[in-house]
N, C-alpha and C. Protein backbone atom coordinates (compact mmCIF):
# COMPACT_ATOMS: atom_id res chain seq x y z
N MET A 1 -3.54 -25.58 4.77
CA MET A 1 -2.73 -26.95 4.18
C MET A 1 -2.47 -26.19 2.64
N SER A 2 -1.17 -26.56 3.07
CA SER A 2 -0.44 -25.49 1.72
C SER A 2 0.77 -26.43 1.26
N ASP A 3 1.03 -27.80 1.79
CA ASP A 3 2.69 -28.78 1.58
C ASP A 3 1.99 -29.54 0.45
N LYS A 4 2.74 -30.40 -0.28
CA LYS A 4 2.39 -31.02 -1.67
C LYS A 4 1.78 -32.30 -1.31
N THR A 5 1.46 -32.33 -0.18
CA THR A 5 1.53 -34.02 -0.13
C THR A 5 -0.11 -33.91 -0.12
N SER A 6 -0.83 -32.45 0.76
CA SER A 6 -1.92 -32.63 1.48
C SER A 6 -2.27 -32.64 0.47
N VAL A 7 -1.92 -31.37 -0.52
CA VAL A 7 -2.68 -30.84 -1.73
C VAL A 7 -3.11 -31.89 -2.63
N THR A 8 -2.08 -32.71 -2.60
CA THR A 8 -1.80 -33.85 -3.49
C THR A 8 -3.32 -35.03 -3.27
N SER A 9 -3.10 -35.23 -2.01
CA SER A 9 -3.60 -36.34 -1.50
C SER A 9 -5.58 -35.68 -1.72
N LEU A 10 -5.40 -34.48 -1.32
CA LEU A 10 -6.48 -33.97 -1.69
C LEU A 10 -7.66 -33.53 -3.60
N ALA A 11 -6.46 -33.46 -3.69
CA ALA A 11 -7.08 -33.45 -4.74
C ALA A 11 -7.92 -35.42 -5.63
N ALA A 12 -6.39 -35.98 -5.46
CA ALA A 12 -7.08 -37.42 -5.40
C ALA A 12 -8.27 -37.34 -4.97
N CYS A 13 -8.99 -37.03 -3.43
CA CYS A 13 -9.96 -37.37 -2.84
C CYS A 13 -11.60 -36.86 -3.68
N ILE A 14 -11.04 -35.75 -4.05
CA ILE A 14 -11.63 -34.57 -4.85
C ILE A 14 -11.70 -35.35 -6.35
N CYS A 15 -10.79 -35.82 -7.17
CA CYS A 15 -10.90 -36.25 -8.07
C CYS A 15 -12.18 -37.66 -8.36
N ASP A 16 -11.68 -38.14 -6.87
CA ASP A 16 -12.51 -39.65 -6.95
C ASP A 16 -14.39 -38.97 -6.84
N TYR A 17 -13.78 -38.21 -5.96
CA TYR A 17 -15.65 -37.70 -5.94
C TYR A 17 -16.45 -37.60 -6.49
N LEU A 18 -15.45 -36.52 -7.80
CA LEU A 18 -15.94 -36.11 -9.16
C LEU A 18 -16.10 -36.48 -10.42
N GLY A 19 -15.94 -38.09 -9.99
CA GLY A 19 -15.46 -39.79 -11.05
C GLY A 19 -17.09 -40.16 -10.55
N ALA A 20 -17.31 -40.32 -9.27
CA ALA A 20 -18.96 -40.80 -8.80
C ALA A 20 -19.63 -39.70 -9.25
N LEU A 21 -20.03 -39.22 -8.99
CA LEU A 21 -20.25 -37.41 -9.16
C LEU A 21 -21.13 -37.58 -10.99
N LEU A 22 -19.76 -37.61 -11.96
CA LEU A 22 -20.12 -37.61 -13.18
C LEU A 22 -20.57 -39.00 -14.50
N HIS A 23 -20.48 -39.52 -13.50
CA HIS A 23 -20.75 -41.51 -13.98
C HIS A 23 -21.95 -41.09 -15.45
N GLY A 24 -21.26 -41.22 -16.65
CA GLY A 24 -21.50 -41.10 -17.94
C GLY A 24 -21.64 -39.88 -18.64
N PHE A 25 -21.38 -39.13 -17.87
CA PHE A 25 -21.63 -36.97 -18.40
C PHE A 25 -20.63 -37.25 -19.65
N ILE A 26 -20.82 -36.51 -20.75
CA ILE A 26 -19.80 -36.69 -21.59
C ILE A 26 -19.86 -34.91 -21.94
N TRP A 27 -18.19 -35.28 -21.64
CA TRP A 27 -17.90 -33.45 -22.04
C TRP A 27 -17.90 -32.76 -23.62
N HIS A 28 -18.41 -32.11 -23.84
CA HIS A 28 -18.42 -31.49 -25.37
C HIS A 28 -17.08 -31.09 -25.77
N ARG A 29 -16.30 -29.60 -24.91
CA ARG A 29 -15.44 -30.16 -25.46
C ARG A 29 -13.59 -30.77 -24.65
N ASP A 30 -13.64 -29.74 -23.65
CA ASP A 30 -12.24 -30.44 -22.63
C ASP A 30 -12.71 -31.62 -21.22
N ILE A 31 -12.77 -31.78 -20.05
CA ILE A 31 -12.93 -32.11 -18.75
C ILE A 31 -12.24 -31.02 -18.08
N PHE A 32 -12.86 -30.93 -16.80
CA PHE A 32 -12.55 -30.48 -16.35
C PHE A 32 -11.93 -31.03 -15.01
N GLU A 33 -10.45 -30.63 -15.29
CA GLU A 33 -9.15 -30.87 -14.77
C GLU A 33 -8.56 -30.24 -13.03
N LEU A 34 -8.45 -31.27 -12.43
CA LEU A 34 -7.98 -30.76 -11.22
C LEU A 34 -6.96 -30.97 -10.76
N LYS A 35 -5.78 -29.92 -10.60
CA LYS A 35 -4.59 -30.27 -10.89
C LYS A 35 -3.46 -29.08 -9.12
N THR A 36 -2.63 -29.93 -9.00
CA THR A 36 -1.88 -28.67 -7.46
C THR A 36 -0.97 -28.21 -8.28
N ALA A 37 -0.52 -26.78 -8.11
CA ALA A 37 0.07 -25.70 -8.29
C ALA A 37 0.68 -24.44 -7.14
N LYS A 38 2.22 -24.18 -7.59
CA LYS A 38 2.52 -23.70 -6.48
C LYS A 38 2.33 -21.91 -7.03
N ASP A 39 2.55 -21.64 -5.54
CA ASP A 39 2.19 -20.24 -5.73
C ASP A 39 3.53 -19.39 -5.44
N PRO A 40 3.92 -18.69 -6.20
CA PRO A 40 5.76 -18.13 -6.65
C PRO A 40 5.84 -17.49 -5.80
N VAL A 41 4.89 -16.38 -5.25
CA VAL A 41 5.23 -15.65 -3.88
C VAL A 41 4.99 -16.06 -2.11
N ALA A 42 4.13 -17.29 -1.81
CA ALA A 42 4.09 -17.62 -0.53
C ALA A 42 4.69 -19.01 -0.63
N GLU A 43 4.52 -19.43 -1.60
CA GLU A 43 5.46 -20.61 -1.21
C GLU A 43 4.91 -21.85 -1.02
N ASN A 44 3.52 -21.80 -1.03
CA ASN A 44 2.92 -22.54 -0.94
C ASN A 44 2.40 -23.61 -2.02
N TRP A 45 1.09 -24.55 -1.86
CA TRP A 45 0.67 -25.42 -3.24
C TRP A 45 -0.74 -25.23 -3.08
N PHE A 46 -1.57 -25.14 -3.94
CA PHE A 46 -2.85 -25.10 -4.05
C PHE A 46 -3.23 -25.57 -5.12
N LEU A 47 -4.80 -26.48 -4.79
CA LEU A 47 -5.44 -26.42 -5.83
C LEU A 47 -5.56 -25.80 -7.00
N GLU A 48 -5.60 -26.20 -7.98
CA GLU A 48 -6.19 -24.99 -9.40
C GLU A 48 -7.31 -25.71 -10.65
N GLY A 49 -8.16 -25.24 -11.09
CA GLY A 49 -9.05 -26.50 -11.11
C GLY A 49 -9.44 -25.61 -13.31
N ARG A 50 -9.40 -25.76 -14.30
CA ARG A 50 -9.09 -26.06 -15.09
C ARG A 50 -10.11 -26.50 -16.46
N MET A 51 -10.15 -25.42 -17.50
CA MET A 51 -11.28 -26.14 -18.32
C MET A 51 -11.55 -25.26 -19.43
N ARG A 52 -11.26 -25.81 -21.16
CA ARG A 52 -12.09 -24.45 -21.42
C ARG A 52 -13.38 -25.05 -22.68
N VAL A 53 -13.42 -23.82 -22.56
CA VAL A 53 -15.12 -23.75 -22.70
C VAL A 53 -15.42 -23.73 -24.44
N GLY A 54 -16.55 -24.31 -24.65
CA GLY A 54 -16.93 -24.77 -26.51
C GLY A 54 -17.78 -23.71 -26.67
N ASP A 55 -18.69 -24.46 -27.70
CA ASP A 55 -20.40 -23.76 -28.15
C ASP A 55 -20.78 -24.22 -26.59
N SER A 56 -20.93 -25.62 -26.18
CA SER A 56 -21.67 -25.52 -25.76
C SER A 56 -21.95 -25.34 -23.47
N ALA A 57 -23.07 -24.80 -23.59
CA ALA A 57 -23.44 -24.14 -22.24
C ALA A 57 -23.35 -25.56 -20.87
N ASP A 58 -23.97 -26.75 -21.41
CA ASP A 58 -24.11 -27.45 -20.36
C ASP A 58 -22.39 -27.62 -19.75
N ASP A 59 -21.27 -27.79 -20.39
CA ASP A 59 -19.88 -28.27 -19.20
C ASP A 59 -19.50 -26.97 -18.62
N GLU A 60 -20.26 -25.69 -19.01
CA GLU A 60 -19.54 -24.70 -17.92
C GLU A 60 -20.81 -25.11 -17.07
N TRP A 61 -21.89 -25.20 -17.45
CA TRP A 61 -22.71 -25.60 -15.85
C TRP A 61 -22.77 -26.27 -15.38
N CYS A 62 -22.43 -27.34 -15.98
CA CYS A 62 -21.87 -29.06 -15.13
C CYS A 62 -20.46 -28.67 -14.06
N THR A 63 -19.26 -27.55 -14.62
CA THR A 63 -18.64 -26.97 -13.88
C THR A 63 -18.93 -26.19 -12.69
N VAL A 64 -20.14 -25.23 -12.45
CA VAL A 64 -20.59 -24.72 -11.60
C VAL A 64 -21.18 -25.95 -10.41
N TRP A 65 -22.28 -26.54 -11.04
CA TRP A 65 -22.35 -27.28 -10.53
C TRP A 65 -21.23 -28.16 -9.70
N LEU A 66 -20.40 -29.00 -10.41
CA LEU A 66 -19.22 -29.29 -9.63
C LEU A 66 -18.90 -28.53 -8.73
N LEU A 67 -18.16 -27.32 -8.49
CA LEU A 67 -17.92 -26.38 -8.13
C LEU A 67 -18.20 -26.49 -6.44
N ARG A 68 -19.84 -26.33 -6.90
CA ARG A 68 -20.53 -26.46 -5.49
C ARG A 68 -20.64 -27.38 -4.66
N GLU A 69 -20.81 -28.30 -5.48
CA GLU A 69 -20.67 -29.69 -4.34
C GLU A 69 -19.24 -30.12 -4.25
N ILE A 70 -18.16 -29.70 -4.63
CA ILE A 70 -17.21 -29.73 -3.90
C ILE A 70 -16.84 -29.00 -2.46
N SER A 71 -17.41 -27.82 -2.85
CA SER A 71 -16.70 -27.34 -1.93
C SER A 71 -18.57 -27.87 -0.44
N SER A 72 -19.81 -27.56 -1.10
CA SER A 72 -20.06 -28.53 0.49
C SER A 72 -19.03 -29.45 0.56
N LYS A 73 -18.53 -30.25 0.28
CA LYS A 73 -18.06 -30.99 1.03
C LYS A 73 -16.45 -30.43 1.55
N TRP A 74 -16.06 -30.00 0.87
CA TRP A 74 -14.50 -29.49 1.28
C TRP A 74 -14.54 -28.33 1.59
N ASP A 75 -14.95 -27.10 2.38
CA ASP A 75 -15.24 -25.98 2.92
C ASP A 75 -14.26 -25.13 2.35
N LEU A 76 -13.03 -26.26 2.35
CA LEU A 76 -11.54 -25.55 2.13
C LEU A 76 -11.27 -25.02 0.66
N ALA A 77 -11.81 -26.14 -0.13
CA ALA A 77 -11.45 -26.40 -1.38
C ALA A 77 -11.90 -25.02 -2.41
N ILE A 78 -13.14 -24.42 -2.05
CA ILE A 78 -13.02 -22.90 -2.82
C ILE A 78 -12.16 -21.86 -2.65
N ARG A 79 -12.48 -20.58 -2.95
CA ARG A 79 -11.99 -19.84 -2.60
C ARG A 79 -12.59 -18.35 -3.93
C-alpha cells in the first residue's frame, strides 16, 4: 500500500482507534502525531509518527504501548 489515498485512509483509521485507546490520557508535552509522508527516493507514501519527549517517561511508554497496539491490529503499519 503506497498510494496517498490508501495511506491517508489507514492514518484516519489508526487515529480513530488511538482516540478510543487514549480516552482521558493527558500528554505531558506533545501528543503522538501520525501523518502521511512521501518517500522522495521510492516515490511512494507512508505513515510517519512523531512526538517530542519531555521530562516524563509516561509519554514515551505510552507511545511504545500505542505502537504495539497499532502493530497488533494492522501488521503492515509498523516497520
